[in-house]
Amino acid sequence: MKVYVDKDTCIGCGVCEGICPDVFRMNDDGKAEAIVPETEAACAQDAADSCPVQSIKVE
């Protein structure tokens, strides 16, 4: 599945990195980013579901 973080809506809470550190990290701007554009990691969907501002898209 493809993973994308909308940096315009991301608030940098870090929940995604805490749930799925193999897929997400916080960048130098304090925003989340997907470090792999495609993954089969189930935690990516868990991170998207847990994002308080729905910045993570999983297709």
PDB file of N, CA and C in Angstrom:
ATOM      1  N   MET A   1       0.828  -1.175   0.000  1.00  0.00           N
ATOM      2  CA  MET A   1       0.000   0.000   0.000  1.00  0.00           C
ATOM      3  C   MET A   1       0.875   1.241   0.000  1.00  0.00           C
ATOM      4  N   LYS A   2       0.380   2.319  -0.576  1.00  0.00           N
ATOM      5  CA  LYS A   2       1.099   3.581  -0.633  1.00  0.00           C
ATOM      6  C   LYS A   2       0.762   4.395   0.614  1.00  0.00           C
ATOM      7  N   VAL A   3       1.769   5.095   1.129  1.00  0.00           N
ATOM      8  CA  VAL A   3       1.616   5.880   2.342  1.00  0.00           C
ATOM      9  C   VAL A   3       2.030   7.318   2.054  1.00  0.00           C
ATOM     10  N   TYR A   4       1.226   8.266   2.525  1.00  0.00           N
ATOM     11  CA  TYR A   4       1.484   9.682   2.273  1.00  0.00           C
ATOM     12  C   TYR A   4       1.094  10.493   3.507  1.00  0.00           C
ATOM     13  N   VAL A   5       1.911  11.495   3.844  1.00  0.00           N
ATOM     14  CA  VAL A   5       1.591  12.409   4.940  1.00  0.00           C
ATOM     15  C   VAL A   5       1.377  13.796   4.345  1.00  0.00           C
ATOM     16  N   ASP A   6       0.229  14.396   4.633  1.00  0.00           N
ATOM     17  CA  ASP A   6      -0.071  15.757   4.193  1.00  0.00           C
ATOM     18  C   ASP A   6       0.591  16.716   5.181  1.00  0.00           C
ATOM     19  N   LYS A   7       1.703  17.302   4.784  1.00  0.00           N
ATOM     20  CA  LYS A   7       2.463  18.170   5.680  1.00  0.00           C
ATOM     21  C   LYS A   7       1.734  19.473   6.000  1.00  0.00           C
ATOM     22  N   ASP A   8       0.763  19.847   5.181  1.00  0.00           N
ATOM     23  CA  ASP A   8      -0.003  21.067   5.450  1.00  0.00           C
ATOM     24  C   ASP A   8      -0.939  20.899   6.629  1.00  0.00           C
ATOM     25  N   THR A   9      -1.396  19.679   6.865  1.00  0.00           N
ATOM     26  CA  THR A   9      -2.325  19.462   7.979  1.00  0.00           C
ATOM     27  C   THR A   9      -1.674  18.783   9.176  1.00  0.00           C
ATOM     28  N   CYS A  10      -0.476  18.236   9.002  1.00  0.00           N
ATOM     29  CA  CYS A  10       0.227  17.546  10.085  1.00  0.00           C
ATOM     30  C   CYS A  10       0.540  18.542  11.201  1.00  0.00           C
ATOM     31  N   ILE A  11       0.271  18.139  12.446  1.00  0.00           N
ATOM     32  CA  ILE A  11       0.567  18.989  13.594  1.00  0.00           C
ATOM     33  C   ILE A  11       1.820  18.528  14.340  1.00  0.00           C
ATOM     34  N   GLY A  12       2.449  17.478  13.869  1.00  0.00           N
ATOM     35  CA  GLY A  12       3.699  17.011  14.451  1.00  0.00           C
ATOM     36  C   GLY A  12       3.570  16.374  15.816  1.00  0.00           C
ATOM     37  N   CYS A  13       2.474  15.692  16.067  1.00  0.00           N
ATOM     38  CA  CYS A  13       2.248  15.102  17.385  1.00  0.00           C
ATOM     39  C   CYS A  13       3.119  13.873  17.645  1.00  0.00           C
ATOM     40  N   GLY A  14       3.556  13.194  16.592  1.00  0.00           N
ATOM     41  CA  GLY A  14       4.450  12.050  16.734  1.00  0.00           C
ATOM     42  C   GLY A  14       3.782  10.713  16.960  1.00  0.00           C
ATOM     43  N   VAL A  15       2.463  10.675  16.959  1.00  0.00           N
ATOM     44  CA  VAL A  15       1.750   9.415  17.178  1.00  0.00           C
ATOM     45  C   VAL A  15       2.119   8.381  16.112  1.00  0.00           C
ATOM     46  N   CYS A  16       2.211   8.795  14.871  1.00  0.00           N
ATOM     47  CA  CYS A  16       2.513   7.848  13.789  1.00  0.00           C
ATOM     48  C   CYS A  16       3.887   7.217  13.975  1.00  0.00           C
ATOM     49  N   GLU A  17       4.862   8.013  14.328  1.00  0.00           N
ATOM     50  CA  GLU A  17       6.205   7.485  14.548  1.00  0.00           C
ATOM     51  C   GLU A  17       6.223   6.528  15.740  1.00  0.00           C
ATOM     52  N   GLY A  18       5.458   6.841  16.755  1.00  0.00           N
ATOM     53  CA  GLY A  18       5.380   5.960  17.917  1.00  0.00           C
ATOM     54  C   GLY A  18       4.738   4.622  17.592  1.00  0.00           C
ATOM     55  N   ILE A  19       3.735   4.636  16.726  1.00  0.00           N
ATOM     56  CA  ILE A  19       3.025   3.415  16.359  1.00  0.00           C
ATOM     57  C   ILE A  19       3.782   2.616  15.300  1.00  0.00           C
ATOM     58  N   CYS A  20       4.391   3.312  14.360  1.00  0.00           N
ATOM     59  CA  CYS A  20       4.990   2.631  13.197  1.00  0.00           C
ATOM     60  C   CYS A  20       6.328   3.292  12.802  1.00  0.00           C
ATOM     61  N   PRO A  21       7.356   3.125  13.629  1.00  0.00           N
ATOM     62  CA  PRO A  21       8.628   3.806  13.363  1.00  0.00           C
ATOM     63  C   PRO A  21       9.379   3.317  12.124  1.00  0.00           C
ATOM     64  N   ASP A  22       9.019   2.155  11.601  1.00  0.00           N
ATOM     65  CA  ASP A  22       9.663   1.677  10.379  1.00  0.00           C
ATOM     66  C   ASP A  22       9.122   2.375   9.140  1.00  0.00           C
ATOM     67  N   VAL A  23       7.991   3.077   9.283  1.00  0.00           N
ATOM     68  CA  VAL A  23       7.361   3.738   8.138  1.00  0.00           C
ATOM     69  C   VAL A  23       7.367   5.262   8.281  1.00  0.00           C
ATOM     70  N   PHE A  24       7.258   5.770   9.506  1.00  0.00           N
ATOM     71  CA  PHE A  24       7.156   7.219   9.735  1.00  0.00           C
ATOM     72  C   PHE A  24       8.274   7.726  10.633  1.00  0.00           C
ATOM     73  N   ARG A  25       8.646   8.991  10.401  1.00  0.00           N
ATOM     74  CA  ARG A  25       9.579   9.682  11.289  1.00  0.00           C
ATOM     75  C   ARG A  25       9.224  11.166  11.281  1.00  0.00           C
ATOM     76  N   MET A  26       9.720  11.861  12.261  1.00  0.00           N
ATOM     77  CA  MET A  26       9.538  13.305  12.323  1.00  0.00           C
ATOM     78  C   MET A  26      10.729  13.944  11.608  1.00  0.00           C
ATOM     79  N   ASN A  27      10.459  14.906  10.724  1.00  0.00           N
ATOM     80  CA  ASN A  27      11.540  15.540   9.969  1.00  0.00           C
ATOM     81  C   ASN A  27      12.058  16.774  10.715  1.00  0.00           C
ATOM     82  N   ASP A  28      12.992  17.481  10.123  1.00  0.00           N
ATOM     83  CA  ASP A  28      13.610  18.645  10.756  1.00  0.00           C
ATOM     84  C   ASP A  28      12.633  19.792  10.981  1.00  0.00           C
ATOM     85  N   ASP A  29      11.523  19.792  10.245  1.00  0.00           N
ATOM     86  CA  ASP A  29      10.496  20.821  10.410  1.00  0.00           C
ATOM     87  C   ASP A  29       9.491  20.461  11.497  1.00  0.00           C
ATOM     88  N   GLY A  30       9.681  19.302  12.139  1.00  0.00           N
ATOM     89  CA  GLY A  30       8.760  18.877  13.182  1.00  0.00           C
ATOM     90  C   GLY A  30       7.482  18.260  12.644  1.00  0.00           C
ATOM     91  N   LYS A  31       7.486  17.897  11.379  1.00  0.00           N
ATOM     92  CA  LYS A  31       6.325  17.266  10.739  1.00  0.00           C
ATOM     93  C   LYS A  31       6.642  15.811  10.455  1.00  0.00           C
ATOM     94  N   ALA A  32       5.610  14.999  10.385  1.00  0.00           N
ATOM     95  CA  ALA A  32       5.793  13.584  10.064  1.00  0.00           C
ATOM     96  C   ALA A  32       6.057  13.425   8.579  1.00  0.00           C
ATOM     97  N   GLU A  33       6.790  12.372   8.259  1.00  0.00           N
ATOM     98  CA  GLU A  33       6.996  12.013   6.865  1.00  0.00           C
ATOM     99  C   GLU A  33       7.075  10.499   6.759  1.00  0.00           C
ATOM    100  N   ALA A  34       6.656  10.002   5.621  1.00  0.00           N
ATOM    101  CA  ALA A  34       6.763   8.567   5.355  1.00  0.00           C
ATOM    102  C   ALA A  34       8.170   8.314   4.848  1.00  0.00           C
ATOM    103  N   ILE A  35       8.899   7.420   5.507  1.00  0.00           N
ATOM    104  CA  ILE A  35      10.265   7.142   5.082  1.00  0.00           C
ATOM    105  C   ILE A  35      10.320   6.028   4.050  1.00  0.00           C
ATOM    106  N   VAL A  36       9.191   5.369   3.835  1.00  0.00           N
ATOM    107  CA  VAL A  36       9.048   4.404   2.743  1.00  0.00           C
ATOM    108  C   VAL A  36       7.745   4.735   2.018  1.00  0.00           C
ATOM    109  N   PRO A  37       7.771   4.926   0.709  1.00  0.00           N
ATOM    110  CA  PRO A  37       6.554   5.313  -0.004  1.00  0.00           C
ATOM    111  C   PRO A  37       5.531   4.191  -0.140  1.00  0.00           C
ATOM    112  N   GLU A  38       5.998   2.947  -0.066  1.00  0.00           N
ATOM    113  CA  GLU A  38       5.085   1.804  -0.135  1.00  0.00           C
ATOM    114  C   GLU A  38       5.491   0.792   0.911  1.00  0.00           C
ATOM    115  N   THR A  39       4.503   0.192   1.564  1.00  0.00           N
ATOM    116  CA  THR A  39       4.779  -0.771   2.618  1.00  0.00           C
ATOM    117  C   THR A  39       3.623  -1.744   2.758  1.00  0.00           C
ATOM    118  N   GLU A  40       3.907  -2.864   3.342  1.00  0.00           N
ATOM    119  CA  GLU A  40       2.866  -3.830   3.687  1.00  0.00           C
ATOM    120  C   GLU A  40       2.665  -3.878   5.209  1.00  0.00           C
ATOM    121  N   ALA A  41       3.337  -2.984   5.924  1.00  0.00           N
ATOM    122  CA  ALA A  41       3.257  -2.964   7.380  1.00  0.00           C
ATOM    123  C   ALA A  41       1.853  -2.582   7.838  1.00  0.00           C
ATOM    124  N   ALA A  42       1.236  -3.455   8.608  1.00  0.00           N
ATOM    125  CA  ALA A  42      -0.116  -3.200   9.108  1.00  0.00           C
ATOM    126  C   ALA A  42      -0.150  -1.978  10.015  1.00  0.00           C
ATOM    127  N   CYS A  43       0.976  -1.669  10.652  1.00  0.00           N
ATOM    128  CA  CYS A  43       1.000  -0.529  11.558  1.00  0.00           C
ATOM    129  C   CYS A  43       0.796   0.800  10.818  1.00  0.00           C
ATOM    130  N   ALA A  44       1.036   0.843   9.513  1.00  0.00           N
ATOM    131  CA  ALA A  44       0.814   2.075   8.751  1.00  0.00           C
ATOM    132  C   ALA A  44      -0.651   2.467   8.791  1.00  0.00           C
ATOM    133  N   GLN A  45      -1.541   1.513   8.644  1.00  0.00           N
ATOM    134  CA  GLN A  45      -2.971   1.809   8.732  1.00  0.00           C
ATOM    135  C   GLN A  45      -3.357   2.184  10.154  1.00  0.00           C
ATOM    136  N   ASP A  46      -2.754   1.525  11.144  1.00  0.00           N
ATOM    137  CA  ASP A  46      -3.015   1.872  12.545  1.00  0.00           C
ATOM    138  C   ASP A  46      -2.600   3.319  12.820  1.00  0.00           C
ATOM    139  N   ALA A  47      -1.464   3.718  12.269  1.00  0.00           N
ATOM    140  CA  ALA A  47      -0.998   5.094  12.441  1.00  0.00           C
ATOM    141  C   ALA A  47      -1.964   6.077  11.782  1.00  0.00           C
ATOM    142  N   ALA A  48      -2.421   5.754  10.591  1.00  0.00           N
ATOM    143  CA  ALA A  48      -3.376   6.619   9.896  1.00  0.00           C
ATOM    144  C   ALA A  48      -4.668   6.744  10.701  1.00  0.00           C
ATOM    145  N   ASP A  49      -5.138   5.642  11.236  1.00  0.00           N
ATOM    146  CA  ASP A  49      -6.366   5.657  12.028  1.00  0.00           C
ATOM    147  C   ASP A  49      -6.205   6.448  13.325  1.00  0.00           C
ATOM    148  N   SER A  50      -4.971   6.530  13.839  1.00  0.00           N
ATOM    149  CA  SER A  50      -4.706   7.203  15.101  1.00  0.00           C
ATOM    150  C   SER A  50      -4.323   8.675  14.944  1.00  0.00           C
ATOM    151  N   CYS A  51      -4.088   9.123  13.729  1.00  0.00           N
ATOM    152  CA  CYS A  51      -3.691  10.510  13.504  1.00  0.00           C
ATOM    153  C   CYS A  51      -4.833  11.439  13.919  1.00  0.00           C
ATOM    154  N   PRO A  52      -4.582  12.366  14.847  1.00  0.00           N
ATOM    155  CA  PRO A  52      -5.673  13.216  15.332  1.00  0.00           C
ATOM    156  C   PRO A  52      -6.214  14.210  14.298  1.00  0.00           C
ATOM    157  N   VAL A  53      -5.456  14.466  13.242  1.00  0.00           N
ATOM    158  CA  VAL A  53      -5.912  15.398  12.210  1.00  0.00           C
ATOM    159  C   VAL A  53      -6.022  14.756  10.831  1.00  0.00           C
ATOM    160  N   GLN A  54      -5.987  13.426  10.787  1.00  0.00           N
ATOM    161  CA  GLN A  54      -6.137  12.645   9.554  1.00  0.00           C
ATOM    162  C   GLN A  54      -5.204  13.089   8.441  1.00  0.00           C
ATOM    163  N   SER A  55      -3.928  13.339   8.792  1.00  0.00           N
ATOM    164  CA  SER A  55      -2.931  13.759   7.810  1.00  0.00           C
ATOM    165  C   SER A  55      -2.331  12.604   7.028  1.00  0.00           C
ATOM    166  N   ILE A  56      -2.534  11.380   7.511  1.00  0.00           N
ATOM    167  CA  ILE A  56      -1.922  10.221   6.871  1.00  0.00           C
ATOM    168  C   ILE A  56      -2.924   9.551   5.946  1.00  0.00           C
ATOM    169  N   LYS A  57      -2.500   9.344   4.728  1.00  0.00           N
ATOM    170  CA  LYS A  57      -3.322   8.662   3.729  1.00  0.00           C
ATOM    171  C   LYS A  57      -2.671   7.333   3.375  1.00  0.00           C
ATOM    172  N   VAL A  58      -3.439   6.277   3.380  1.00  0.00           N
ATOM    173  CA  VAL A  58      -2.966   4.956   3.014  1.00  0.00           C
ATOM    174  C   VAL A  58      -3.873   4.439   1.906  1.00  0.00           C
ATOM    175  N   GLU A  59      -3.262   4.081   0.780  1.00  0.00           N
ATOM    176  CA  GLU A  59      -4.041   3.595  -0.372  1.00  0.00           C
ATOM    177  C   GLU A  59      -3.639   2.178  -0.696  1.00  0.00           C
TER     178      GLU A  59
END
